Amino acid sequence: MTALASSIPGALASPQRKATHHGADGWAHAVVGRIRRRVGVGALMREAGAVLDRCGSLASSDDNDLERRAEALRGAVRCRREDAATARESFALVTECIRRETGLTLHTAQIAAGLAMMRGSVAELATGEGKTLAAILPAVLAGWRGRGCHIVTAND
């Protein structure tokens, strides 16, 4: 157990997980994990590209139109009628709102990180790649669902 883990109260502390696969099984498990991760990242990047394409069509919308779209999407997400298309549309809308409010345009990697976080995965971005902006995307959807969330980023 690490020094940090030993300082955590009993119910929160958990021992370090030991590798369960050894030898050829461990090697095969590592290879399969890398392949799955790579395929997952590729799919996220393609989906993020689709979100950016949708952002282009929202750029010409006026603020009232964006507000109407946000209300409709919020209602769909709140009532659990959310599917992949609704999530992409929501991300595109939030991305366009970020651009209008801050003047910053999100990149494909930031949107892909937001999609990963929305699906419960951990996303890692390098220093200066906009972790906080990426975290805004799933945070808005969590808010629309009526669930609060905390955004914690580290620059270490």
Protein backbone atom coordinates (compact mmCIF):
# COMPACT_ATOMS: atom_id res chain seq x y z
CA MET A 1 0.00 0.00 0.00
CA THR A 2 1.27 3.47 -0.79
CA ALA A 3 1.74 6.20 1.80
CA LEU A 4 -1.28 8.05 0.42
CA ALA A 5 -3.49 4.97 0.52
CA SER A 6 -2.46 4.22 4.10
CA SER A 7 -3.53 7.71 5.16
CA ILE A 8 -7.03 7.26 3.72
CA PRO A 9 -9.69 6.13 6.22
CA GLY A 10 -10.43 2.40 6.19
CA ALA A 11 -13.54 2.28 4.00
CA LEU A 12 -11.95 4.43 1.31
CA ALA A 13 -8.58 2.69 1.20
CA SER A 14 -8.01 -0.04 -1.33
CA PRO A 15 -4.90 -2.14 -1.85
CA GLN A 16 -2.95 -1.95 -5.09
CA ARG A 17 -4.32 -4.37 -7.68
CA LYS A 18 -1.88 -7.11 -8.61
CA ALA A 19 -1.53 -8.35 -12.18
CA THR A 20 -3.83 -11.33 -12.70
CA HIS A 21 -2.28 -12.48 -15.97
CA HIS A 22 1.21 -13.95 -16.18
CA GLY A 23 3.46 -15.18 -18.97
CA ALA A 24 1.81 -15.64 -22.37
CA ASP A 25 -1.60 -14.79 -20.89
CA GLY A 26 -0.26 -11.48 -19.61
CA TRP A 27 1.30 -10.66 -22.97
CA ALA A 28 -1.92 -11.54 -24.85
CA HIS A 29 -4.01 -9.56 -22.38
CA ALA A 30 -1.78 -6.50 -22.86
CA VAL A 31 -1.94 -6.75 -26.67
CA VAL A 32 -5.72 -7.11 -26.71
CA GLY A 33 -6.04 -4.16 -24.32
CA ARG A 34 -3.89 -1.97 -26.55
CA ILE A 35 -5.90 -2.93 -29.64
CA ARG A 36 -9.21 -2.23 -27.92
CA ARG A 37 -7.94 1.10 -26.65
CA ARG A 38 -6.67 2.10 -30.08
CA VAL A 39 -9.96 1.17 -31.77
CA GLY A 40 -11.83 3.09 -29.06
CA VAL A 41 -9.73 6.21 -29.57
CA GLY A 42 -10.21 6.03 -33.34
CA ALA A 43 -13.98 5.79 -32.95
CA LEU A 44 -13.97 8.72 -30.52
CA MET A 45 -11.90 10.82 -32.92
CA ARG A 46 -14.31 10.04 -35.79
CA GLU A 47 -17.28 10.95 -33.64
CA ALA A 48 -15.53 14.14 -32.53
CA GLY A 49 -14.99 14.99 -36.20
CA ALA A 50 -18.73 14.59 -36.78
CA VAL A 51 -19.40 16.94 -33.85
CA LEU A 52 -17.06 19.54 -35.37
CA ASP A 53 -18.82 19.20 -38.74
CA ARG A 54 -22.13 19.86 -37.00
CA CYS A 55 -20.61 22.92 -35.28
CA GLY A 56 -20.00 24.44 -38.70
CA SER A 57 -23.71 24.47 -39.45
CA LEU A 58 -24.54 25.94 -36.03
CA ALA A 59 -22.16 28.87 -36.55
CA SER A 60 -24.71 30.63 -38.75
CA SER A 61 -27.54 30.24 -36.19
CA ASP A 62 -28.53 33.22 -34.11
CA ASP A 63 -28.56 33.18 -30.30
CA ASN A 64 -32.34 32.67 -30.09
CA ASP A 65 -32.11 29.62 -32.34
CA LEU A 66 -29.32 28.17 -30.20
CA GLU A 67 -31.39 28.77 -27.08
CA ARG A 68 -34.39 26.96 -28.59
CA ARG A 69 -32.17 24.03 -29.59
CA ALA A 70 -30.64 23.93 -26.11
CA GLU A 71 -34.09 23.77 -24.50
CA ALA A 72 -35.14 20.90 -26.77
CA LEU A 73 -31.91 18.98 -26.17
CA ARG A 74 -32.06 19.62 -22.43
CA GLY A 75 -35.58 18.19 -22.35
CA ALA A 76 -34.53 15.10 -24.30
CA VAL A 77 -31.52 14.49 -22.06
CA ARG A 78 -33.49 15.16 -18.86
CA CYS A 79 -36.19 12.65 -19.89
CA ARG A 80 -33.52 10.03 -20.70
CA ARG A 81 -34.30 10.10 -24.42
CA GLU A 82 -30.62 10.46 -25.13
CA ASP A 83 -28.97 8.52 -27.92
CA ALA A 84 -25.71 8.94 -29.82
CA ALA A 85 -27.22 11.53 -32.18
CA THR A 86 -28.57 13.59 -29.27
CA ALA A 87 -25.19 13.47 -27.53
CA ARG A 88 -23.40 14.61 -30.71
CA GLU A 89 -25.91 17.41 -31.24
CA SER A 90 -25.55 18.48 -27.59
CA PHE A 91 -21.76 18.49 -27.82
CA ALA A 92 -21.94 20.53 -31.04
CA LEU A 93 -24.27 23.05 -29.42
CA VAL A 94 -22.10 23.41 -26.30
CA THR A 95 -18.97 23.69 -28.46
CA GLU A 96 -20.56 26.52 -30.44
CA CYS A 97 -21.62 28.26 -27.21
CA ILE A 98 -18.05 27.98 -25.90
CA ARG A 99 -16.77 29.52 -29.13
CA ARG A 100 -19.21 32.42 -28.89
CA GLU A 101 -18.58 33.10 -25.21
CA THR A 102 -14.81 32.68 -25.05
CA GLY A 103 -13.68 32.95 -28.65
CA LEU A 104 -11.96 29.57 -28.28
CA THR A 105 -12.58 26.81 -30.81
CA LEU A 106 -12.38 23.28 -29.43
CA HIS A 107 -10.18 20.79 -31.24
CA THR A 108 -10.99 17.22 -32.16
CA ALA A 109 -8.93 15.81 -29.26
CA GLN A 110 -10.81 17.95 -26.72
CA ILE A 111 -14.19 16.83 -28.03
CA ALA A 112 -13.03 13.19 -28.11
CA ALA A 113 -11.90 13.54 -24.49
CA GLY A 114 -15.32 14.94 -23.59
CA LEU A 115 -17.04 12.02 -25.32
CA ALA A 116 -14.82 9.57 -23.43
CA MET A 117 -15.63 11.24 -20.10
CA MET A 118 -19.33 11.22 -20.92
CA ARG A 119 -19.08 7.45 -21.36
CA GLY A 120 -17.36 7.03 -18.01
CA SER A 121 -13.80 6.67 -19.27
CA VAL A 122 -10.75 8.54 -18.10
CA ALA A 123 -9.35 10.98 -20.65
CA GLU A 124 -5.78 12.22 -20.61
CA LEU A 125 -4.71 15.42 -22.33
CA ALA A 126 -1.26 16.96 -22.26
CA THR A 127 -0.54 20.25 -20.52
CA GLY A 128 -2.05 23.13 -22.45
CA GLU A 129 -4.48 21.01 -24.49
CA GLY A 130 -7.56 22.37 -22.72
CA LYS A 131 -8.63 19.83 -20.13
CA THR A 132 -11.09 22.21 -18.52
CA LEU A 133 -12.74 23.03 -21.84
CA ALA A 134 -12.98 19.31 -22.62
CA ALA A 135 -14.60 18.68 -19.23
CA ILE A 136 -17.28 21.31 -19.85
CA LEU A 137 -18.91 19.16 -22.53
CA PRO A 138 -19.90 16.15 -20.37
CA ALA A 139 -20.51 18.46 -17.38
CA VAL A 140 -23.26 20.28 -19.26
CA LEU A 141 -24.96 16.98 -20.12
CA ALA A 142 -24.67 15.86 -16.49
CA GLY A 143 -26.33 19.13 -15.46
CA TRP A 144 -29.10 18.62 -17.99
CA ARG A 145 -29.70 15.15 -16.54
CA GLY A 146 -30.18 16.77 -13.13
CA ARG A 147 -27.01 15.25 -11.72
CA GLY A 148 -24.41 17.59 -10.38
CA CYS A 149 -20.76 17.13 -11.16
CA HIS A 150 -17.40 18.47 -10.10
CA ILE A 151 -14.64 19.30 -12.55
CA VAL A 152 -11.14 18.61 -11.29
CA THR A 153 -8.14 19.11 -13.55
CA ALA A 154 -4.48 18.82 -12.74
CA ASN A 155 -1.48 20.47 -14.28
CA ASP A 156 1.23 18.27 -12.86
